[in-house]
Amino acid sequence: MADRWDAVATATAIVDGEVSDRDVAEAAIARIEKLNGELNAVIHTRFDEALAEVDAGLPDGPLRGVPVLVKDLGMEVTGLPATGGSRLFADVVATRDSELVKRYRRAGMVVLGTTNTPEFGLNASTEPVLRGPTRNPWDPRHSPGGSSGGSAAAVSAGMVPVAHASDGGGSIRIPSAACGLFGLKPSRGRISPSPRPTTLSGLVSSHHAVTTTVRDSALLLDIAAGPLPGDAYAAPTAADSFSALARRDPGRLRIGLITALPGGPDVHPEPDRAVRAAARLCESLGHEVAETTAPYRPDEVGAASGVLMNSDLVVQIDARLDQLGRPLADDDLEPLTRVLYEHYRSLAAADVSRALRRVQEIGWQVGEAFAEYDVLLSPTLARPTARLGLLDTRRPETIYEHAAVYSAFTSVYNVTGMPAMSVPFGHDGDGLPLGVQFAAGLSGEGLLLALAAQLEQAAPWAAGAPAGTGD
């Protein structure tokens, strides 16, 4: 089989008879078994069950035979642990597939297992106490980002061509930047969270995938998108399939370049260099680029987002303790999670309402920028990829010092519900990937995908980590 096929190429090769779907599944399993000992990206597997499904005959969908991994947070795979990276949930086993997983299966995809995540996704790095750290395939001394770090490391290393990911503050875009992948966070309500109700955290959190190519992301969005009857909210229906939108000429776009944040962290020279180079490339492609001021303060975004996300965290923990019929034990939660739980469990309903109001105000502020610009461009990360240990949840004071730096440019599009993507763009002085972020107004995924495809052709990026990890 050809090295580093993306999902579309893999499915095409299967349809054309170049390889069999069992050949593809066995090759992916072999790569996971070879590489995972060092990277610790995949934490639960279902290899025998997957091969049995292949042998029984897969649905004749657009990605028949393509192997996929699912992040162990917010989505469930029947028969596999559903831990959310937490010791409190370590013995929970899923008895059903989430709706997104069902849609992957109906498309013919082969679910091989689940990937590592920080506890409840509360970290921009993936190093939970429960399963240990995931390592970046570009350099195992570094983090793959978080919270979808397991998925990003697996795809970047070449274990599978695509993997499910989720994003509550940058958790698709941060690991995509760290691992040299394309990562799109869709609009609020684009993909149903069923069967897990997440009314408050769902306002800021979205599910999708990490991929090596734009076309894979577009097709996966076609497969996964669309509300279920009764969903609390749904994104407006797109004008065409996302795959078709990705093939369109984006036209001449007005792009607002943001390189600094009011009250935010200083941007390291290397991400700054990358985003300015991306701006120049956009100009060379005929787009109009103008530097502009960020229409939000990251500290205000973080405060409002924290209330919504952590109110749901309290509900999850309390429900689990009620199920177990016991109080919280000292080793149930990591220190950071425990601090957040104790703080937010006493939050008044009026405080939640204030956060919801503030989120709406921030949405209007950012929305005004999209009256002037079609797209906003910024670094994905204000700093190069972190080394493992910098974002250690066992030391909450370290997280408080560093965590906001890694979500400063990303989390605003979670609280506003607007789509945003990280596009690979160059490398830092250590040879690790850098990413630049583009955002659009609500339901602007098609525009972002068209621009990403244009950038992918003009400045192609590697299909994952260098040879030696994914081969």
Protein backbone atom coordinates (compact mmCIF):
# COMPACT_ATOMS: atom_id res chain seq x y z
CA MET A 1 0.00 0.00 0.00
CA ALA A 2 1.08 3.56 -0.67
CA ASP A 3 2.60 5.37 2.27
CA ARG A 4 0.44 7.96 4.04
CA TRP A 5 -2.75 7.74 2.01
CA ASP A 6 -5.38 10.08 3.33
CA ALA A 7 -8.91 8.78 3.98
CA VAL A 8 -10.22 9.66 0.52
CA ALA A 9 -7.27 7.98 -1.22
CA THR A 10 -7.65 4.91 1.01
CA ALA A 11 -11.35 4.55 0.22
CA THR A 12 -10.66 5.03 -3.49
CA ALA A 13 -7.97 2.35 -3.47
CA ILE A 14 -10.37 -0.09 -1.82
CA VAL A 15 -13.14 0.62 -4.35
CA ASP A 16 -10.67 0.24 -7.22
CA GLY A 17 -9.49 -3.11 -5.88
CA GLU A 18 -5.93 -1.91 -5.34
CA VAL A 19 -6.16 -3.11 -1.73
CA SER A 20 -8.81 -4.86 0.34
CA ASP A 21 -10.51 -3.35 3.34
CA ARG A 22 -8.98 -6.11 5.47
CA ASP A 23 -5.50 -5.24 4.16
CA VAL A 24 -6.07 -1.64 5.23
CA ALA A 25 -7.37 -2.57 8.68
CA GLU A 26 -4.50 -4.98 9.32
CA ALA A 27 -1.93 -2.41 8.23
CA ALA A 28 -3.41 0.21 10.58
CA ILE A 29 -3.43 -2.28 13.45
CA ALA A 30 0.22 -3.11 12.75
CA ARG A 31 1.17 0.56 12.79
CA ILE A 32 -0.63 1.13 16.08
CA GLU A 33 1.09 -1.89 17.64
CA LYS A 34 4.48 -0.70 16.36
CA LEU A 35 4.23 2.96 17.35
CA ASN A 36 1.94 3.19 20.33
CA GLY A 37 4.43 1.93 22.88
CA GLU A 38 6.42 5.14 22.46
CA LEU A 39 3.60 7.59 21.75
CA ASN A 40 0.81 6.33 24.05
CA ALA A 41 -1.84 7.78 21.75
CA VAL A 42 -4.27 4.84 21.64
CA ILE A 43 -5.55 3.66 25.02
CA HIS A 44 -8.29 1.11 24.22
CA THR A 45 -8.53 -1.14 21.16
CA ARG A 46 -11.08 -3.41 19.49
CA PHE A 47 -8.93 -5.02 16.82
CA ASP A 48 -10.62 -8.44 16.78
CA GLU A 49 -14.08 -6.91 16.66
CA ALA A 50 -13.03 -4.53 13.88
CA LEU A 51 -11.61 -7.33 11.73
CA ALA A 52 -14.77 -9.37 12.28
CA GLU A 53 -16.84 -6.40 11.08
CA VAL A 54 -14.64 -6.12 7.99
CA ASP A 55 -15.01 -9.81 7.22
CA ALA A 56 -18.79 -9.64 7.69
CA GLY A 57 -19.04 -6.84 5.14
CA LEU A 58 -18.99 -3.11 5.72
CA PRO A 59 -21.65 -0.62 4.66
CA ASP A 60 -21.01 0.70 1.16
CA GLY A 61 -20.46 4.29 2.28
CA PRO A 62 -18.10 6.99 1.02
CA LEU A 63 -15.28 5.90 3.37
CA ARG A 64 -15.78 2.15 3.34
CA GLY A 65 -12.81 0.41 4.91
CA VAL A 66 -11.11 3.53 6.26
CA PRO A 67 -9.84 2.99 9.83
CA VAL A 68 -10.65 5.61 12.44
CA LEU A 69 -10.00 6.24 16.13
CA VAL A 70 -12.40 7.99 18.53
CA LYS A 71 -11.33 10.34 21.30
CA ASP A 72 -12.17 9.01 24.77
CA LEU A 73 -14.18 12.10 25.68
CA GLY A 74 -17.77 12.96 24.89
CA MET A 75 -18.25 10.18 22.33
CA GLU A 76 -18.77 6.49 23.08
CA VAL A 77 -17.92 3.25 21.30
CA THR A 78 -19.89 0.19 22.38
CA GLY A 79 -17.81 -2.14 24.52
CA LEU A 80 -14.92 0.25 25.12
CA PRO A 81 -14.21 2.20 28.32
CA ALA A 82 -15.66 5.71 28.38
CA THR A 83 -13.41 7.35 30.95
CA GLY A 84 -13.00 10.95 29.85
CA GLY A 85 -9.40 10.55 31.03
CA SER A 86 -10.53 10.36 34.66
CA ARG A 87 -9.91 7.79 37.37
CA LEU A 88 -13.43 8.46 38.65
CA PHE A 89 -14.79 6.96 35.43
CA ALA A 90 -12.05 4.35 34.87
CA ASP A 91 -14.39 1.33 35.07
CA VAL A 92 -17.21 2.78 32.93
CA VAL A 93 -17.79 0.81 29.71
CA ALA A 94 -19.96 2.18 26.91
CA THR A 95 -23.10 0.21 26.13
CA ARG A 96 -23.98 2.19 23.01
CA ASP A 97 -22.42 4.08 20.14
CA SER A 98 -22.73 7.86 20.08
CA GLU A 99 -24.56 9.30 17.08
CA LEU A 100 -21.32 10.48 15.48
CA VAL A 101 -19.83 6.98 15.77
CA LYS A 102 -22.99 5.53 14.20
CA ARG A 103 -22.58 7.90 11.28
CA TYR A 104 -18.93 6.93 10.87
CA ARG A 105 -19.98 3.29 10.78
CA ARG A 106 -22.76 3.94 8.26
CA ALA A 107 -20.12 5.58 6.05
CA GLY A 108 -18.23 2.27 6.14
CA MET A 109 -15.47 3.34 8.53
CA VAL A 110 -13.75 0.82 10.78
CA VAL A 111 -13.46 1.89 14.44
CA LEU A 112 -10.19 0.50 15.85
CA GLY A 113 -10.18 2.05 19.32
CA THR A 114 -10.09 5.20 21.41
CA THR A 115 -7.42 7.83 22.03
CA ASN A 116 -5.91 9.44 25.09
CA THR A 117 -7.22 12.71 26.52
CA PRO A 118 -6.48 14.85 29.58
CA GLU A 119 -8.99 14.48 32.41
CA PHE A 120 -12.34 15.85 31.16
CA GLY A 121 -10.41 17.65 28.41
CA LEU A 122 -9.25 20.32 30.86
CA ASN A 123 -5.74 20.81 29.50
CA ALA A 124 -4.00 22.07 26.38
CA SER A 125 -1.67 19.08 26.79
CA THR A 126 -2.50 15.37 26.96
CA GLU A 127 -0.83 13.95 30.06
CA PRO A 128 -3.52 12.47 32.33
CA VAL A 129 -2.73 10.60 35.52
CA LEU A 130 -5.04 7.76 34.42
CA ARG A 131 -3.18 6.74 31.26
CA GLY A 132 0.02 8.77 31.31
CA PRO A 133 1.27 11.29 28.75
CA THR A 134 0.88 11.09 25.00
CA ARG A 135 4.03 12.10 23.13
CA ASN A 136 4.34 14.20 20.02
CA PRO A 137 5.52 12.07 17.06
CA TRP A 138 7.59 15.00 15.80
CA ASP A 139 9.58 14.96 19.06
CA PRO A 140 8.53 12.69 21.96
CA ARG A 141 9.88 15.18 24.50
CA HIS A 142 7.06 17.53 23.52
CA SER A 143 3.33 17.53 24.05
CA PRO A 144 0.99 16.72 21.15
CA GLY A 145 -1.32 19.42 22.50
CA GLY A 146 -4.73 18.84 24.01
CA SER A 147 -7.26 17.90 24.63
CA SER A 148 -7.37 15.86 21.41
CA GLY A 149 -3.69 15.05 21.72
CA GLY A 150 -4.11 11.28 21.45
CA SER A 151 -6.04 11.61 18.20
CA ALA A 152 -3.59 14.14 16.77
CA ALA A 153 -0.54 12.06 17.66
CA ALA A 154 -2.11 8.95 16.12
CA VAL A 155 -2.92 10.68 12.83
CA SER A 156 0.38 12.54 12.64
CA ALA A 157 2.30 9.30 13.25
CA GLY A 158 0.37 7.56 10.48
CA MET A 159 -1.50 5.06 12.65
CA VAL A 160 -4.78 6.01 10.97
CA PRO A 161 -5.55 8.62 8.30
CA VAL A 162 -8.18 10.44 10.40
CA ALA A 163 -9.44 10.51 13.98
CA HIS A 164 -12.34 12.00 15.88
CA ALA A 165 -11.56 15.04 18.01
CA SER A 166 -13.47 17.62 20.04
CA ASP A 167 -12.88 21.27 20.85
CA GLY A 168 -14.08 23.21 23.91
CA GLY A 169 -11.40 25.91 23.93
CA GLY A 170 -9.05 24.97 21.12
CA SER A 171 -8.84 21.21 21.59
CA ILE A 172 -8.94 20.41 17.87
CA ARG A 173 -6.88 23.38 16.73
CA ILE A 174 -4.18 23.29 19.44
CA PRO A 175 -3.10 19.65 18.80
CA SER A 176 -3.43 20.17 15.05
CA ALA A 177 -0.92 23.01 15.29
CA ALA A 178 1.36 20.97 17.55
CA CYS A 179 1.30 17.90 15.28
CA GLY A 180 1.25 19.49 11.82
CA LEU A 181 -2.36 18.60 10.97
CA PHE A 182 -5.42 20.31 9.56
CA GLY A 183 -8.02 20.88 12.25
CA LEU A 184 -11.44 22.46 11.78
CA LYS A 185 -13.73 23.32 14.68
CA PRO A 186 -17.24 23.48 13.20
CA SER A 187 -20.00 25.91 14.04
CA ARG A 188 -22.03 25.44 17.20
CA GLY A 189 -24.64 22.75 16.66
CA ARG A 190 -23.13 21.40 13.45
CA ILE A 191 -22.63 17.89 14.90
CA SER A 192 -25.01 16.36 17.43
CA PRO A 193 -23.54 15.38 20.83
CA SER A 194 -26.17 12.64 21.27
CA PRO A 195 -26.62 10.73 23.49
CA ARG A 196 -24.76 12.90 26.02
CA PRO A 197 -26.69 16.04 26.99
CA THR A 198 -24.33 19.01 27.25
CA THR A 199 -26.58 22.06 27.22
CA LEU A 200 -24.10 24.45 28.86
CA SER A 201 -20.73 22.99 27.84
CA GLY A 202 -22.20 22.25 24.41
CA LEU A 203 -22.49 25.97 23.82
CA VAL A 204 -18.71 26.11 23.62
CA SER A 205 -17.70 22.56 22.67
CA SER A 206 -17.82 21.01 19.18
CA HIS A 207 -16.98 17.59 17.76
CA HIS A 208 -15.23 16.86 14.47
CA ALA A 209 -11.82 15.44 13.50
CA VAL A 210 -8.11 15.90 12.90
CA THR A 211 -6.87 15.10 9.40
CA THR A 212 -3.86 15.41 7.12
CA THR A 213 -5.84 16.90 4.23
CA VAL A 214 -8.61 19.42 3.75
CA ARG A 215 -10.69 17.07 1.62
CA ASP A 216 -10.76 14.48 4.40
CA SER A 217 -12.05 17.07 6.86
CA ALA A 218 -14.74 18.20 4.43
CA LEU A 219 -15.96 14.68 3.70
CA LEU A 220 -15.98 13.73 7.38
CA LEU A 221 -18.05 16.83 8.08
CA ASP A 222 -20.51 15.76 5.39
CA ILE A 223 -20.76 12.37 7.07
CA ALA A 224 -21.11 13.63 10.64
CA ALA A 225 -23.06 16.88 10.29
CA GLY A 226 -26.76 17.36 10.83
CA PRO A 227 -28.94 17.62 13.93
CA LEU A 228 -31.09 14.97 15.53
CA PRO A 229 -34.72 15.81 16.27
CA GLY A 230 -34.74 17.38 19.72
CA ASP A 231 -31.18 18.73 19.71
CA ALA A 232 -31.03 21.92 21.76
CA TYR A 233 -29.58 23.90 18.84
CA ALA A 234 -28.40 23.31 15.29
CA ALA A 235 -26.17 25.15 12.85
CA PRO A 236 -27.78 26.60 9.72
CA THR A 237 -27.81 24.18 6.80
CA ALA A 238 -24.91 24.69 4.40
CA ALA A 239 -25.54 25.79 0.81
CA ASP A 240 -23.95 22.60 -0.57
CA SER A 241 -22.00 19.61 0.65
CA PHE A 242 -18.84 20.60 2.47
CA SER A 243 -16.83 18.54 0.00
CA ALA A 244 -18.26 20.61 -2.84
CA LEU A 245 -17.74 23.87 -0.96
CA ALA A 246 -14.10 22.94 -0.34
CA ARG A 247 -13.58 22.65 -4.11
CA ARG A 248 -14.90 26.13 -4.83
CA ASP A 249 -12.75 29.17 -5.45
CA PRO A 250 -13.02 31.22 -2.24
CA GLY A 251 -12.97 34.44 -4.24
CA ARG A 252 -11.18 37.57 -3.10
CA LEU A 253 -11.48 37.63 0.68
CA ARG A 254 -11.11 40.46 3.14
CA ILE A 255 -8.82 39.04 5.84
CA GLY A 256 -8.25 40.72 9.19
CA LEU A 257 -4.83 39.92 10.65
CA ILE A 258 -4.62 39.72 14.45
CA THR A 259 -1.15 39.40 15.98
CA ALA A 260 -1.77 40.68 19.52
CA LEU A 261 -4.52 40.46 22.14
CA PRO A 262 -5.57 43.17 24.61
CA GLY A 263 -4.44 42.00 28.03
CA GLY A 264 -3.25 38.75 26.48
CA PRO A 265 0.14 37.04 26.33
CA ASP A 266 2.95 38.29 24.14
CA VAL A 267 3.21 36.28 20.97
CA HIS A 268 6.48 34.39 20.58
CA PRO A 269 8.53 35.47 17.53
CA GLU A 270 8.15 32.13 15.74
CA PRO A 271 4.30 31.99 15.68
CA ASP A 272 4.36 35.69 14.81
CA ARG A 273 6.69 35.01 11.90
CA ALA A 274 4.46 32.17 10.69
CA VAL A 275 1.23 34.17 10.77
CA ARG A 276 2.79 37.11 8.95
CA ALA A 277 4.14 34.75 6.29
CA ALA A 278 0.64 33.27 5.96
CA ALA A 279 -0.75 36.78 5.53
CA ARG A 280 1.73 37.46 2.73
CA LEU A 281 0.77 34.21 1.03
CA CYS A 282 -2.90 35.19 1.22
CA GLU A 283 -2.06 38.52 -0.40
CA SER A 284 -0.17 36.73 -3.17
CA LEU A 285 -3.31 34.66 -3.80
CA GLY A 286 -5.31 37.82 -4.35
CA HIS A 287 -6.85 38.35 -0.93
CA GLU A 288 -6.93 41.68 0.84
CA VAL A 289 -5.17 41.55 4.22
CA ALA A 290 -5.26 44.31 6.81
CA GLU A 291 -3.93 44.23 10.35
CA THR A 292 -6.69 44.75 12.90
CA THR A 293 -7.30 44.79 16.65
CA ALA A 294 -8.75 41.75 18.37
CA PRO A 295 -12.42 42.41 19.21
CA TYR A 296 -12.24 40.62 22.58
CA ARG A 297 -10.20 40.21 25.73
CA PRO A 298 -8.97 36.65 26.35
CA ASP A 299 -9.37 36.96 30.13
CA GLU A 300 -13.07 37.80 29.72
CA VAL A 301 -13.53 34.94 27.29
CA GLY A 302 -11.82 32.55 29.72
CA ALA A 303 -13.94 33.64 32.66
CA ALA A 304 -17.23 33.16 30.82
CA SER A 305 -16.16 29.90 29.20
CA GLY A 306 -14.94 28.56 32.53
CA VAL A 307 -18.36 28.99 34.11
CA LEU A 308 -20.15 27.15 31.30
CA MET A 309 -17.64 24.32 30.97
CA ASN A 310 -17.11 23.76 34.66
CA SER A 311 -20.77 23.95 35.62
CA ASP A 312 -21.19 20.91 33.39
CA LEU A 313 -18.10 19.35 34.97
CA VAL A 314 -19.74 19.58 38.41
CA VAL A 315 -22.89 17.92 37.08
CA GLN A 316 -20.88 15.04 35.56
CA ILE A 317 -18.94 14.41 38.75
CA ASP A 318 -21.98 14.62 41.02
CA ALA A 319 -23.94 12.25 38.81
CA ARG A 320 -21.10 9.74 38.92
CA LEU A 321 -20.85 9.96 42.70
CA ASP A 322 -24.60 9.43 42.99
CA GLN A 323 -24.26 6.38 40.76
CA LEU A 324 -21.47 5.01 42.95
CA GLY A 325 -23.33 5.90 46.15
CA ARG A 326 -20.31 7.42 47.85
CA PRO A 327 -18.57 10.75 48.42
CA LEU A 328 -15.59 11.98 46.44
CA ALA A 329 -12.35 10.20 47.34
CA ASP A 330 -8.94 11.86 47.41
CA ASP A 331 -7.66 9.94 44.37
CA ASP A 332 -10.79 10.27 42.22
CA LEU A 333 -9.70 13.47 40.50
CA GLU A 334 -6.48 15.15 39.49
CA PRO A 335 -5.54 18.19 41.61
CA LEU A 336 -6.55 20.72 38.95
CA THR A 337 -9.93 19.08 38.42
CA ARG A 338 -10.52 18.93 42.16
CA VAL A 339 -9.81 22.66 42.50
CA LEU A 340 -12.21 23.46 39.68
CA TYR A 341 -14.89 21.15 41.08
CA GLU A 342 -14.73 22.66 44.55
CA HIS A 343 -14.84 26.19 43.16
CA TYR A 344 -17.66 25.81 40.67
CA ARG A 345 -19.92 23.50 42.70
CA SER A 346 -20.97 26.49 44.83
CA LEU A 347 -21.64 28.73 41.85
CA ALA A 348 -24.98 30.53 42.00
CA ALA A 349 -27.51 30.23 39.19
CA ALA A 350 -27.25 33.99 38.73
CA ASP A 351 -23.53 33.60 37.99
CA VAL A 352 -24.34 31.11 35.24
CA SER A 353 -26.85 33.55 33.79
CA ARG A 354 -24.25 36.32 33.87
CA ALA A 355 -21.80 34.10 32.00
CA LEU A 356 -24.41 33.34 29.35
CA ARG A 357 -25.08 37.03 28.94
CA ARG A 358 -21.39 37.79 28.66
CA VAL A 359 -20.95 35.08 26.04
CA GLN A 360 -23.67 36.71 23.96
CA GLU A 361 -22.02 40.12 24.32
CA ILE A 362 -18.68 38.69 23.20
CA GLY A 363 -20.42 37.08 20.25
CA TRP A 364 -21.79 40.44 19.15
CA GLN A 365 -18.37 42.07 19.55
CA VAL A 366 -16.69 39.46 17.39
CA GLY A 367 -19.62 39.48 14.99
CA GLU A 368 -18.98 43.15 14.27
CA ALA A 369 -15.52 42.22 12.99
CA PHE A 370 -17.10 39.89 10.43
CA ALA A 371 -19.07 42.80 9.06
CA GLU A 372 -15.73 44.25 7.97
CA TYR A 373 -13.78 41.06 7.25
CA ASP A 374 -14.72 37.72 5.72
CA VAL A 375 -12.07 35.89 7.72
CA LEU A 376 -9.90 36.63 10.75
CA LEU A 377 -6.31 35.33 10.75
CA SER A 378 -4.14 34.84 13.84
CA PRO A 379 -1.56 32.44 15.23
CA THR A 380 -3.16 29.25 16.51
CA LEU A 381 -0.81 29.27 19.50
CA ALA A 382 0.94 32.22 21.10
CA ARG A 383 3.88 29.94 21.93
CA PRO A 384 5.67 27.06 20.21
CA THR A 385 4.59 23.56 21.22
CA ALA A 386 5.08 22.93 24.94
CA ARG A 387 7.37 20.32 26.37
CA LEU A 388 5.70 17.58 28.38
CA GLY A 389 5.46 18.57 32.03
CA LEU A 390 4.92 22.28 31.47
CA LEU A 391 1.13 21.85 31.65
CA ASP A 392 0.96 19.44 34.58
CA THR A 393 -2.49 19.13 36.15
CA ARG A 394 -0.93 17.75 39.32
CA ARG A 395 0.41 21.26 39.88
CA PRO A 396 -2.55 23.63 39.45
CA GLU A 397 -0.35 26.67 39.95
CA THR A 398 1.60 25.69 36.80
CA ILE A 399 -1.60 25.36 34.83
CA TYR A 400 -2.79 28.77 36.00
CA GLU A 401 0.49 30.29 34.86
CA HIS A 402 0.66 28.71 31.42
CA ALA A 403 -2.69 27.28 30.27
CA ALA A 404 -4.34 30.53 29.16
CA VAL A 405 -1.36 31.23 26.91
CA TYR A 406 -2.19 28.17 24.80
CA SER A 407 -5.90 28.97 24.34
CA ALA A 408 -5.67 32.76 24.08
CA PHE A 409 -6.36 32.84 20.34
CA THR A 410 -8.65 29.80 20.13
CA SER A 411 -11.30 29.83 22.87
CA VAL A 412 -13.11 32.95 21.67
CA TYR A 413 -14.53 30.98 18.74
CA ASN A 414 -15.88 28.40 21.16
CA VAL A 415 -17.86 30.90 23.21
CA THR A 416 -19.13 32.60 20.03
CA GLY A 417 -19.92 29.29 18.29
CA MET A 418 -18.12 30.41 15.15
CA PRO A 419 -16.07 27.99 13.01
CA ALA A 420 -12.28 28.20 13.08
CA MET A 421 -9.45 26.11 11.68
CA SER A 422 -5.75 25.56 12.24
CA VAL A 423 -3.71 25.24 9.06
CA PRO A 424 -0.11 23.91 9.18
CA PHE A 425 2.33 26.65 8.30
CA GLY A 426 6.05 26.17 8.76
CA HIS A 427 8.12 25.00 11.70
CA ASP A 428 9.78 26.47 14.77
CA GLY A 429 13.50 26.44 15.54
CA ASP A 430 13.25 22.90 16.94
CA GLY A 431 11.63 21.60 13.78
CA LEU A 432 8.19 21.28 15.34
CA PRO A 433 5.14 22.33 13.30
CA LEU A 434 3.45 25.71 13.61
CA GLY A 435 -0.17 26.46 12.82
CA VAL A 436 -2.10 29.55 11.81
CA GLN A 437 -5.77 30.03 12.61
CA PHE A 438 -8.53 31.30 10.34
CA ALA A 439 -12.04 31.98 11.63
CA ALA A 440 -15.31 32.89 9.92
CA GLY A 441 -18.80 33.88 10.94
CA LEU A 442 -21.38 31.33 12.06
CA SER A 443 -21.93 28.61 9.44
CA GLY A 444 -18.84 29.72 7.53
CA GLU A 445 -17.21 26.28 7.37
CA GLY A 446 -17.56 26.15 3.59
CA LEU A 447 -15.66 29.40 3.18
CA LEU A 448 -12.90 28.21 5.52
CA LEU A 449 -12.58 24.88 3.72
CA ALA A 450 -12.34 26.61 0.33
CA LEU A 451 -9.60 28.90 1.64
CA ALA A 452 -7.80 25.97 3.30
CA ALA A 453 -7.83 23.99 0.06
CA GLN A 454 -6.35 26.98 -1.74
CA LEU A 455 -3.61 27.30 0.88
CA GLU A 456 -2.98 23.54 0.80
CA GLN A 457 -2.29 23.76 -2.92
CA ALA A 458 -0.19 26.92 -2.66
CA ALA A 459 1.89 25.85 0.36
CA PRO A 460 1.55 22.07 0.82
CA TRP A 461 2.28 20.62 4.24
CA ALA A 462 3.68 17.22 5.17
CA ALA A 463 1.22 14.37 5.70
CA GLY A 464 2.21 13.96 9.33
CA ALA A 465 5.43 13.55 11.26
CA PRO A 466 8.74 12.82 9.51
CA ALA A 467 9.76 9.35 8.37
CA GLY A 468 10.77 7.09 11.21
CA THR A 469 7.65 7.55 13.31
CA GLY A 470 4.79 6.90 10.94
CA ASP A 471 6.42 4.55 8.44
